[in-house]
Amino acid sequence: MRAIVQLTASHGQEPVSASPVSGDAVSGDAVAGGAVVGSTVVGNTVARLRAQLERVQGRKLDAPVLPVHPTLASLLPGGGLRPGAAYSLPRSTSLLLALLAQPSQSGSWCAAVGLPRLGAEAAEALGVDLSRLVLIPDPGVRWLAVTATIAEVLPVVAVRPSGRASDGEIARLAARLRDRGGVLLVQGPWPQAEAVLEVTDPVWAGVGRGHGYLSAREVTLTSSSRRWPRSRRARVMLPDASGHVSAAAETVRAVEPVRAFGDERFVPLEARAVG
């Protein structure tokens, strides 16, 4: 039996030694040996740089990511939610739930802080496992402290900030995420976000001329990351007619026949544009 747990807050360089070789008296063994030494030096340098980056970022560069829906994977660096990272989202509950779905299904506990109108039925329809979802609808003015506390024990925490936070508080929360390997999904701007997602160009389906029911919504998702040279975009059904997330079908537009030069007849060419 599925249930939601709901909580209420109480308010360098490496020297290389090599023997000098004079003139053209360079044997094949010497060349091979030099190549081996050179590749070893490069390998050691790369390893040191990797270690330095991992110490600065607080996480391994090749660490596995938490899975997300395949439709959303191309919009996230590494194809998923990176442990120790924060993500900046718009105030779209559907997108938030779509990102929580796969981690909860794969066994990760998730929390939603400061989202009093989050609906259980909508969450379940988008694939969230309600048995691994903790709700803290009203954390009060200490929303950041509540979020940091929850991040100590749960791997995925979503929050809608209810006020400003100081740089020091944000830095401490970031350090805690890196230490615990947690993921933070923030509905709003957030410093040093792994990726910033936006939702634009919504188109609803299901309503005719004054009648019908809204059955699906097609949107454009845009993702920006410091790891990419340019933003990425995807047209997504959020939700589709069945209430789930899926890729939007390509729109096919008819193209008028081409008129032949100097002839009143139309050339029987079949053409269509996809876009």
C-alpha atoms as a PDB file:
ATOM      1  CA  MET A   1       0.000   0.000   0.000  1.00  0.00           C
ATOM      2  CA  ARG A   2       1.421   3.325  -1.038  1.00  0.00           C
ATOM      3  CA  ALA A   3       1.543   6.255   1.325  1.00  0.00           C
ATOM      4  CA  ILE A   4       3.100   9.675   1.579  1.00  0.00           C
ATOM      5  CA  VAL A   5       5.140  10.649   4.601  1.00  0.00           C
ATOM      6  CA  GLN A   6       4.231  14.225   5.477  1.00  0.00           C
ATOM      7  CA  LEU A   7       6.195  16.266   7.991  1.00  0.00           C
ATOM      8  CA  THR A   8       5.575  19.688   9.442  1.00  0.00           C
ATOM      9  CA  ALA A   9       8.447  21.948  10.405  1.00  0.00           C
ATOM     10  CA  SER A  10       8.136  23.707  13.729  1.00  0.00           C
ATOM     11  CA  HIS A  11       9.244  26.787  12.569  1.00  0.00           C
ATOM     12  CA  GLY A  12      52.571  21.066 -10.908  1.00  0.00           C
ATOM     13  CA  GLN A  13      54.972  19.787 -13.168  1.00  0.00           C
ATOM     14  CA  GLU A  14      56.679  16.373 -12.789  1.00  0.00           C
ATOM     15  CA  PRO A  15      60.420  16.261 -13.616  1.00  0.00           C
ATOM     16  CA  VAL A  16      61.368  13.718 -16.238  1.00  0.00           C
ATOM     17  CA  SER A  17      64.890  12.296 -16.235  1.00  0.00           C
ATOM     18  CA  ALA A  18      66.073  11.122 -19.606  1.00  0.00           C
ATOM     19  CA  SER A  19      69.540  10.079 -20.752  1.00  0.00           C
ATOM     20  CA  PRO A  20      70.889  12.284 -23.538  1.00  0.00           C
ATOM     21  CA  VAL A  21      71.158  10.599 -26.910  1.00  0.00           C
ATOM     22  CA  SER A  22      73.641  12.009 -29.390  1.00  0.00           C
ATOM     23  CA  GLY A  23      73.367  12.260 -33.150  1.00  0.00           C
ATOM     24  CA  ASP A  24      71.339   9.734 -35.097  1.00  0.00           C
ATOM     25  CA  ALA A  25      72.252   6.840 -32.842  1.00  0.00           C
ATOM     26  CA  VAL A  26      68.707   6.358 -31.635  1.00  0.00           C
ATOM     27  CA  SER A  27      67.657   2.750 -31.399  1.00  0.00           C
ATOM     28  CA  GLY A  28      64.101   1.434 -31.672  1.00  0.00           C
ATOM     29  CA  ASP A  29      64.233   0.443 -28.028  1.00  0.00           C
ATOM     30  CA  ALA A  30      65.182   4.013 -27.047  1.00  0.00           C
ATOM     31  CA  VAL A  31      62.301   5.451 -29.046  1.00  0.00           C
ATOM     32  CA  ALA A  32      59.873   2.961 -27.539  1.00  0.00           C
ATOM     33  CA  GLY A  33      61.194   3.689 -24.080  1.00  0.00           C
ATOM     34  CA  GLY A  34      60.773   7.417 -24.602  1.00  0.00           C
ATOM     35  CA  ALA A  35      57.208   6.906 -25.753  1.00  0.00           C
ATOM     36  CA  VAL A  36      56.433   4.861 -22.661  1.00  0.00           C
ATOM     37  CA  VAL A  37      57.964   7.495 -20.364  1.00  0.00           C
ATOM     38  CA  GLY A  38      56.083  10.262 -22.165  1.00  0.00           C
ATOM     39  CA  SER A  39      52.741   8.503 -21.934  1.00  0.00           C
ATOM     40  CA  THR A  40      53.360   7.759 -18.251  1.00  0.00           C
ATOM     41  CA  VAL A  41      54.061  11.433 -17.536  1.00  0.00           C
ATOM     42  CA  VAL A  42      50.905  12.502 -19.376  1.00  0.00           C
ATOM     43  CA  GLY A  43      48.860   9.889 -17.540  1.00  0.00           C
ATOM     44  CA  ASN A  44      50.214  11.011 -14.171  1.00  0.00           C
ATOM     45  CA  THR A  45      49.506  14.657 -15.004  1.00  0.00           C
ATOM     46  CA  VAL A  46      45.927  13.883 -16.015  1.00  0.00           C
ATOM     47  CA  ALA A  47      45.414  11.858 -12.841  1.00  0.00           C
ATOM     48  CA  ARG A  48      46.678  14.743 -10.682  1.00  0.00           C
ATOM     49  CA  LEU A  49      44.425  17.228 -12.447  1.00  0.00           C
ATOM     50  CA  ARG A  50      41.448  14.912 -12.019  1.00  0.00           C
ATOM     51  CA  ALA A  51      42.176  14.562  -8.318  1.00  0.00           C
ATOM     52  CA  GLN A  52      42.417  18.342  -7.929  1.00  0.00           C
ATOM     53  CA  LEU A  53      39.105  18.886  -9.733  1.00  0.00           C
ATOM     54  CA  GLU A  54      37.418  16.226  -7.630  1.00  0.00           C
ATOM     55  CA  ARG A  55      38.686  17.851  -4.428  1.00  0.00           C
ATOM     56  CA  VAL A  56      37.437  21.267  -5.552  1.00  0.00           C
ATOM     57  CA  GLN A  57      34.053  20.002  -6.742  1.00  0.00           C
ATOM     58  CA  GLY A  58      33.656  17.534  -3.903  1.00  0.00           C
ATOM     59  CA  ARG A  59      32.646  14.632  -6.139  1.00  0.00           C
ATOM     60  CA  LYS A  60      34.166  12.205  -8.599  1.00  0.00           C
ATOM     61  CA  LEU A  61      33.873  13.300 -12.223  1.00  0.00           C
ATOM     62  CA  ASP A  62      32.845   9.816 -13.351  1.00  0.00           C
ATOM     63  CA  ALA A  63      30.437   9.187 -10.463  1.00  0.00           C
ATOM     64  CA  PRO A  64      27.155   7.554 -11.553  1.00  0.00           C
ATOM     65  CA  VAL A  65      24.148   9.839 -11.895  1.00  0.00           C
ATOM     66  CA  LEU A  66      20.610   9.236 -10.686  1.00  0.00           C
ATOM     67  CA  PRO A  67      18.398   8.174 -13.607  1.00  0.00           C
ATOM     68  CA  VAL A  68      15.729  10.405 -15.118  1.00  0.00           C
ATOM     69  CA  HIS A  69      13.099   9.824 -17.789  1.00  0.00           C
ATOM     70  CA  PRO A  70      14.783   9.189 -21.197  1.00  0.00           C
ATOM     71  CA  THR A  71      12.980  12.233 -22.620  1.00  0.00           C
ATOM     72  CA  LEU A  72      14.755  14.461 -20.075  1.00  0.00           C
ATOM     73  CA  ALA A  73      18.162  12.748 -20.042  1.00  0.00           C
ATOM     74  CA  SER A  74      19.605  14.749 -22.963  1.00  0.00           C
ATOM     75  CA  LEU A  75      18.865  17.989 -21.082  1.00  0.00           C
ATOM     76  CA  LEU A  76      21.069  17.115 -18.095  1.00  0.00           C
ATOM     77  CA  PRO A  77      24.882  16.868 -17.992  1.00  0.00           C
ATOM     78  CA  GLY A  78      25.786  13.192 -17.751  1.00  0.00           C
ATOM     79  CA  GLY A  79      22.250  12.156 -18.667  1.00  0.00           C
ATOM     80  CA  GLY A  80      20.911  12.293 -15.116  1.00  0.00           C
ATOM     81  CA  LEU A  81      20.969  14.002 -11.721  1.00  0.00           C
ATOM     82  CA  ARG A  82      24.552  14.270 -10.503  1.00  0.00           C
ATOM     83  CA  PRO A  83      25.127  13.527  -6.784  1.00  0.00           C
ATOM     84  CA  GLY A  84      26.320  16.595  -4.917  1.00  0.00           C
ATOM     85  CA  ALA A  85      24.805  19.022  -7.430  1.00  0.00           C
ATOM     86  CA  ALA A  86      21.969  21.541  -7.425  1.00  0.00           C
ATOM     87  CA  TYR A  87      19.597  22.280 -10.310  1.00  0.00           C
ATOM     88  CA  SER A  88      17.626  25.459 -10.945  1.00  0.00           C
ATOM     89  CA  LEU A  89      14.065  24.860 -12.177  1.00  0.00           C
ATOM     90  CA  PRO A  90      11.098  27.050 -13.098  1.00  0.00           C
ATOM     91  CA  ARG A  91       7.962  26.954 -10.976  1.00  0.00           C
ATOM     92  CA  SER A  92       6.610  24.003 -12.930  1.00  0.00           C
ATOM     93  CA  THR A  93       5.287  21.245 -10.697  1.00  0.00           C
ATOM     94  CA  SER A  94       5.002  18.878 -13.676  1.00  0.00           C
ATOM     95  CA  LEU A  95       8.701  19.218 -14.525  1.00  0.00           C
ATOM     96  CA  LEU A  96       9.688  18.779 -10.890  1.00  0.00           C
ATOM     97  CA  LEU A  97       7.615  15.606 -10.534  1.00  0.00           C
ATOM     98  CA  ALA A  98       8.959  14.264 -13.833  1.00  0.00           C
ATOM     99  CA  LEU A  99      12.508  14.634 -12.475  1.00  0.00           C
ATOM    100  CA  LEU A 100      11.589  12.909  -9.198  1.00  0.00           C
ATOM    101  CA  ALA A 101       9.901   9.948 -10.894  1.00  0.00           C
ATOM    102  CA  GLN A 102      12.859   7.792 -11.943  1.00  0.00           C
ATOM    103  CA  PRO A 103      14.972   8.335  -8.800  1.00  0.00           C
ATOM    104  CA  SER A 104      12.028   7.332  -6.585  1.00  0.00           C
ATOM    105  CA  GLN A 105      11.300   4.283  -8.739  1.00  0.00           C
ATOM    106  CA  SER A 106      14.950   3.213  -8.552  1.00  0.00           C
ATOM    107  CA  GLY A 107      14.871   3.264  -4.742  1.00  0.00           C
ATOM    108  CA  SER A 108      15.921   6.811  -3.792  1.00  0.00           C
ATOM    109  CA  TRP A 109      13.888   8.632  -1.164  1.00  0.00           C
ATOM    110  CA  CYS A 110      12.751  12.100  -2.223  1.00  0.00           C
ATOM    111  CA  ALA A 111      11.475  15.135  -0.320  1.00  0.00           C
ATOM    112  CA  ALA A 112       9.465  18.182  -1.376  1.00  0.00           C
ATOM    113  CA  VAL A 113       9.908  21.227   0.859  1.00  0.00           C
ATOM    114  CA  GLY A 114       7.666  24.285   0.660  1.00  0.00           C
ATOM    115  CA  LEU A 115       5.206  22.899  -1.917  1.00  0.00           C
ATOM    116  CA  PRO A 116       1.828  22.842  -0.123  1.00  0.00           C
ATOM    117  CA  ARG A 117      -0.177  22.411  -3.345  1.00  0.00           C
ATOM    118  CA  LEU A 118       1.748  19.421  -4.644  1.00  0.00           C
ATOM    119  CA  GLY A 119      -0.873  16.785  -5.494  1.00  0.00           C
ATOM    120  CA  ALA A 120      -0.365  13.098  -4.743  1.00  0.00           C
ATOM    121  CA  GLU A 121      -2.454  11.977  -7.725  1.00  0.00           C
ATOM    122  CA  ALA A 122      -0.484  14.146 -10.137  1.00  0.00           C
ATOM    123  CA  ALA A 123       2.791  12.895  -8.647  1.00  0.00           C
ATOM    124  CA  GLU A 124       1.761   9.268  -9.049  1.00  0.00           C
ATOM    125  CA  ALA A 125       0.513   9.878 -12.600  1.00  0.00           C
ATOM    126  CA  LEU A 126       3.933  11.246 -13.574  1.00  0.00           C
ATOM    127  CA  GLY A 127       5.628   8.169 -12.106  1.00  0.00           C
ATOM    128  CA  VAL A 128       6.649   9.225  -8.589  1.00  0.00           C
ATOM    129  CA  ASP A 129       6.701   6.339  -6.105  1.00  0.00           C
ATOM    130  CA  LEU A 130       4.604   7.774  -3.278  1.00  0.00           C
ATOM    131  CA  SER A 131       6.010   5.290  -0.776  1.00  0.00           C
ATOM    132  CA  ARG A 132       9.380   7.097  -1.084  1.00  0.00           C
ATOM    133  CA  LEU A 133       8.094  10.662  -1.039  1.00  0.00           C
ATOM    134  CA  VAL A 134       8.313  12.922   2.029  1.00  0.00           C
ATOM    135  CA  LEU A 135       6.300  16.173   2.034  1.00  0.00           C
ATOM    136  CA  ILE A 136       7.108  19.186   4.185  1.00  0.00           C
ATOM    137  CA  PRO A 137       4.507  21.659   2.912  1.00  0.00           C
ATOM    138  CA  ASP A 138       5.219  24.588   5.258  1.00  0.00           C
ATOM    139  CA  PRO A 139       8.794  24.833   6.546  1.00  0.00           C
ATOM    140  CA  GLY A 140       8.283  28.431   7.675  1.00  0.00           C
ATOM    141  CA  VAL A 141      10.953  31.100   7.580  1.00  0.00           C
ATOM    142  CA  ARG A 142      13.650  28.510   8.333  1.00  0.00           C
ATOM    143  CA  TRP A 143      13.130  26.782   5.004  1.00  0.00           C
ATOM    144  CA  LEU A 144      16.855  26.597   4.265  1.00  0.00           C
ATOM    145  CA  ALA A 145      17.669  25.006   7.631  1.00  0.00           C
ATOM    146  CA  VAL A 146      14.868  22.480   7.109  1.00  0.00           C
ATOM    147  CA  THR A 147      16.160  21.722   3.614  1.00  0.00           C
ATOM    148  CA  ALA A 148      19.706  21.229   4.890  1.00  0.00           C
ATOM    149  CA  THR A 149      18.476  18.885   7.616  1.00  0.00           C
ATOM    150  CA  ILE A 150      16.482  16.786   5.169  1.00  0.00           C
ATOM    151  CA  ALA A 151      19.492  16.670   2.816  1.00  0.00           C
ATOM    152  CA  GLU A 152      21.430  14.936   5.590  1.00  0.00           C
ATOM    153  CA  VAL A 153      19.267  11.811   5.289  1.00  0.00           C
ATOM    154  CA  LEU A 154      17.492  11.848   1.916  1.00  0.00           C
ATOM    155  CA  PRO A 155      19.324  11.692  -1.442  1.00  0.00           C
ATOM    156  CA  VAL A 156      16.948  13.947  -3.441  1.00  0.00           C
ATOM    157  CA  VAL A 157      15.418  17.147  -2.051  1.00  0.00           C
ATOM    158  CA  ALA A 158      13.171  19.558  -3.947  1.00  0.00           C
ATOM    159  CA  VAL A 159      12.488  22.992  -2.482  1.00  0.00           C
ATOM    160  CA  ARG A 160      10.602  26.153  -3.340  1.00  0.00           C
ATOM    161  CA  PRO A 161      12.404  28.931  -1.442  1.00  0.00           C
ATOM    162  CA  SER A 162      10.148  31.243   0.543  1.00  0.00           C
ATOM    163  CA  GLY A 163      12.781  33.921   1.089  1.00  0.00           C
ATOM    164  CA  ARG A 164      16.349  34.991   0.410  1.00  0.00           C
ATOM    165  CA  ALA A 165      19.354  33.072   1.713  1.00  0.00           C
ATOM    166  CA  SER A 166      22.795  34.411   2.505  1.00  0.00           C
ATOM    167  CA  ASP A 167      25.848  33.351   0.513  1.00  0.00           C
ATOM    168  CA  GLY A 168      27.259  31.647   3.587  1.00  0.00           C
ATOM    169  CA  GLU A 169      24.133  29.548   4.128  1.00  0.00           C
ATOM    170  CA  ILE A 170      24.070  28.522   0.461  1.00  0.00           C
ATOM    171  CA  ALA A 171      27.773  27.589   0.591  1.00  0.00           C
ATOM    172  CA  ARG A 172      27.234  25.437   3.684  1.00  0.00           C
ATOM    173  CA  LEU A 173      24.307  23.654   2.045  1.00  0.00           C
ATOM    174  CA  ALA A 174      26.388  23.051  -1.093  1.00  0.00           C
ATOM    175  CA  ALA A 175      29.169  21.538   1.022  1.00  0.00           C
ATOM    176  CA  ARG A 176      26.659  19.302   2.768  1.00  0.00           C
ATOM    177  CA  LEU A 177      25.285  18.111  -0.576  1.00  0.00           C
ATOM    178  CA  ARG A 178      28.776  17.267  -1.814  1.00  0.00           C
ATOM    179  CA  ASP A 179      29.603  15.466   1.418  1.00  0.00           C
ATOM    180  CA  ARG A 180      26.380  13.410   1.387  1.00  0.00           C
ATOM    181  CA  GLY A 181      26.112  12.989  -2.381  1.00  0.00           C
ATOM    182  CA  GLY A 182      22.644  14.545  -2.379  1.00  0.00           C
ATOM    183  CA  VAL A 183      20.740  16.242  -5.195  1.00  0.00           C
ATOM    184  CA  LEU A 184      18.958  19.568  -4.747  1.00  0.00           C
ATOM    185  CA  LEU A 185      16.151  20.679  -7.086  1.00  0.00           C
ATOM    186  CA  VAL A 186      15.344  24.363  -6.547  1.00  0.00           C
ATOM    187  CA  GLN A 187      12.307  26.082  -8.013  1.00  0.00           C
ATOM    188  CA  GLY A 188      14.005  29.393  -8.660  1.00  0.00           C
ATOM    189  CA  PRO A 189      17.493  30.777  -9.331  1.00  0.00           C
ATOM    190  CA  TRP A 190      20.377  29.118  -7.494  1.00  0.00           C
ATOM    191  CA  PRO A 191      24.121  29.931  -7.498  1.00  0.00           C
ATOM    192  CA  GLN A 192      26.492  27.418  -9.113  1.00  0.00           C
ATOM    193  CA  ALA A 193      23.654  25.265 -10.442  1.00  0.00           C
ATOM    194  CA  GLU A 194      24.701  22.223 -12.439  1.00  0.00           C
ATOM    195  CA  ALA A 195      22.005  23.101 -14.987  1.00  0.00           C
ATOM    196  CA  VAL A 196      19.279  25.719 -15.354  1.00  0.00           C
ATOM    197  CA  LEU A 197      16.038  24.462 -16.904  1.00  0.00           C
ATOM    198  CA  GLU A 198      13.281  26.624 -18.373  1.00  0.00           C
ATOM    199  CA  VAL A 199       9.788  25.891 -19.724  1.00  0.00           C
ATOM    200  CA  THR A 200       8.455  27.959 -22.640  1.00  0.00           C
ATOM    201  CA  ASP A 201       5.953  27.890 -25.532  1.00  0.00           C
ATOM    202  CA  PRO A 202       3.151  25.853 -23.895  1.00  0.00           C
ATOM    203  CA  VAL A 203       0.466  24.469 -26.209  1.00  0.00           C
ATOM    204  CA  TRP A 204      -2.581  22.719 -24.758  1.00  0.00           C
ATOM    205  CA  ALA A 205      -4.555  20.009 -26.549  1.00  0.00           C
ATOM    206  CA  GLY A 206      -8.087  18.726 -26.027  1.00  0.00           C
ATOM    207  CA  VAL A 207     -10.135  21.902 -26.177  1.00  0.00           C
ATOM    208  CA  GLY A 208     -12.237  22.564 -29.278  1.00  0.00           C
ATOM    209  CA  ARG A 209     -14.288  25.652 -30.108  1.00  0.00           C
ATOM    210  CA  GLY A 210     -15.685  26.335 -26.683  1.00  0.00           C
ATOM    211  CA  HIS A 211     -15.898  22.736 -25.525  1.00  0.00           C
ATOM    212  CA  GLY A 212     -13.765  19.770 -24.493  1.00  0.00           C
ATOM    213  CA  TYR A 213     -11.233  19.009 -21.766  1.00  0.00           C
ATOM    214  CA  LEU A 214      -7.541  19.783 -21.488  1.00  0.00           C
ATOM    215  CA  SER A 215      -5.845  16.468 -22.225  1.00  0.00           C
ATOM    216  CA  ALA A 216      -2.157  17.249 -22.856  1.00  0.00           C
ATOM    217  CA  ARG A 217       0.390  20.051 -22.832  1.00  0.00           C
ATOM    218  CA  GLU A 218       3.339  20.418 -25.188  1.00  0.00           C
ATOM    219  CA  VAL A 219       6.230  22.619 -24.023  1.00  0.00           C
ATOM    220  CA  THR A 220       9.776  23.508 -24.967  1.00  0.00           C
ATOM    221  CA  LEU A 221      12.375  22.616 -22.329  1.00  0.00           C
ATOM    222  CA  THR A 222      15.625  24.578 -22.465  1.00  0.00           C
ATOM    223  CA  SER A 223      18.677  23.573 -20.452  1.00  0.00           C
ATOM    224  CA  SER A 224      21.796  25.676 -19.889  1.00  0.00           C
ATOM    225  CA  SER A 225      24.932  24.367 -18.175  1.00  0.00           C
ATOM    226  CA  ARG A 226      28.476  25.559 -17.673  1.00  0.00           C
ATOM    227  CA  ARG A 227      29.533  22.172 -19.017  1.00  0.00           C
ATOM    228  CA  TRP A 228      28.065  22.913 -22.469  1.00  0.00           C
ATOM    229  CA  PRO A 229      29.050  25.549 -25.029  1.00  0.00           C
ATOM    230  CA  ARG A 230      25.387  26.260 -25.859  1.00  0.00           C
ATOM    231  CA  SER A 231      21.909  25.560 -24.519  1.00  0.00           C
ATOM    232  CA  ARG A 232      19.955  22.425 -25.383  1.00  0.00           C
ATOM    233  CA  ARG A 233      16.259  22.292 -26.266  1.00  0.00           C
ATOM    234  CA  ALA A 234      13.639  19.565 -26.516  1.00  0.00           C
ATOM    235  CA  ARG A 235       9.937  19.610 -27.318  1.00  0.00           C
ATOM    236  CA  VAL A 236       8.192  17.533 -24.641  1.00  0.00           C
ATOM    237  CA  MET A 237       4.662  16.466 -23.709  1.00  0.00           C
ATOM    238  CA  LEU A 238       4.337  17.478 -20.056  1.00  0.00           C
ATOM    239  CA  PRO A 239       1.982  15.791 -19.493  1.00  0.00           C
ATOM    240  CA  ASP A 240       0.768  13.759 -22.473  1.00  0.00           C
ATOM    241  CA  ALA A 241      -2.775  12.420 -22.927  1.00  0.00           C
ATOM    242  CA  SER A 242      -2.104   9.598 -20.432  1.00  0.00           C
ATOM    243  CA  GLY A 243      -0.734  11.983 -17.798  1.00  0.00           C
ATOM    244  CA  HIS A 244       2.904  10.974 -18.318  1.00  0.00           C
ATOM    245  CA  VAL A 245       5.949  12.701 -19.776  1.00  0.00           C
ATOM    246  CA  SER A 246       6.932  11.840 -23.344  1.00  0.00           C
ATOM    247  CA  ALA A 247       8.682  13.302 -26.377  1.00  0.00           C
ATOM    248  CA  ALA A 248       6.485  15.468 -28.587  1.00  0.00           C
ATOM    249  CA  ALA A 249       5.736  14.097 -32.045  1.00  0.00           C
ATOM    250  CA  GLU A 250       7.203  15.963 -34.984  1.00  0.00           C
ATOM    251  CA  THR A 251       4.736  18.233 -36.730  1.00  0.00           C
ATOM    252  CA  VAL A 252       4.254  17.549 -40.427  1.00  0.00           C
ATOM    253  CA  ARG A 253       3.140  20.467 -42.580  1.00  0.00           C
ATOM    254  CA  ALA A 254       1.862  20.144 -46.133  1.00  0.00           C
ATOM    255  CA  VAL A 255       3.850  21.933 -48.832  1.00  0.00           C
ATOM    256  CA  GLU A 256       2.149  23.346 -51.910  1.00  0.00           C
ATOM    257  CA  PRO A 257       3.053  21.758 -55.271  1.00  0.00           C
ATOM    258  CA  VAL A 258       5.823  23.433 -57.279  1.00  0.00           C
ATOM    259  CA  ARG A 259       4.759  25.217 -60.460  1.00  0.00           C
ATOM    260  CA  ALA A 260       6.940  24.446 -63.482  1.00  0.00           C
ATOM    261  CA  PHE A 261       8.717  27.397 -65.084  1.00  0.00           C
ATOM    262  CA  GLY A 262       6.839  28.587 -68.187  1.00  0.00           C
ATOM    263  CA  ASP A 263       4.041  26.080 -67.719  1.00  0.00           C
ATOM    264  CA  GLU A 264       0.618  26.530 -66.209  1.00  0.00           C
ATOM    265  CA  ARG A 265       0.521  22.965 -65.027  1.00  0.00           C
ATOM    266  CA  PHE A 266       1.796  21.817 -61.644  1.00  0.00           C
ATOM    267  CA  VAL A 267       4.690  19.424 -61.444  1.00  0.00           C
ATOM    268  CA  PRO A 268       3.473  16.309 -59.577  1.00  0.00           C
ATOM    269  CA  LEU A 269       6.060  16.461 -56.823  1.00  0.00           C
ATOM    270  CA  GLU A 270       5.374  15.145 -53.357  1.00  0.00           C
ATOM    271  CA  ALA A 271       7.023  17.108 -50.622  1.00  0.00           C
ATOM    272  CA  ARG A 272       6.528  17.714 -46.928  1.00  0.00           C
ATOM    273  CA  ALA A 273       8.305  19.744 -44.275  1.00  0.00           C
ATOM    274  CA  VAL A 274       9.034  18.429 -40.817  1.00  0.00           C
ATOM    275  CA  GLY A 275       9.453  20.872 -37.980  1.00  0.00           C
END
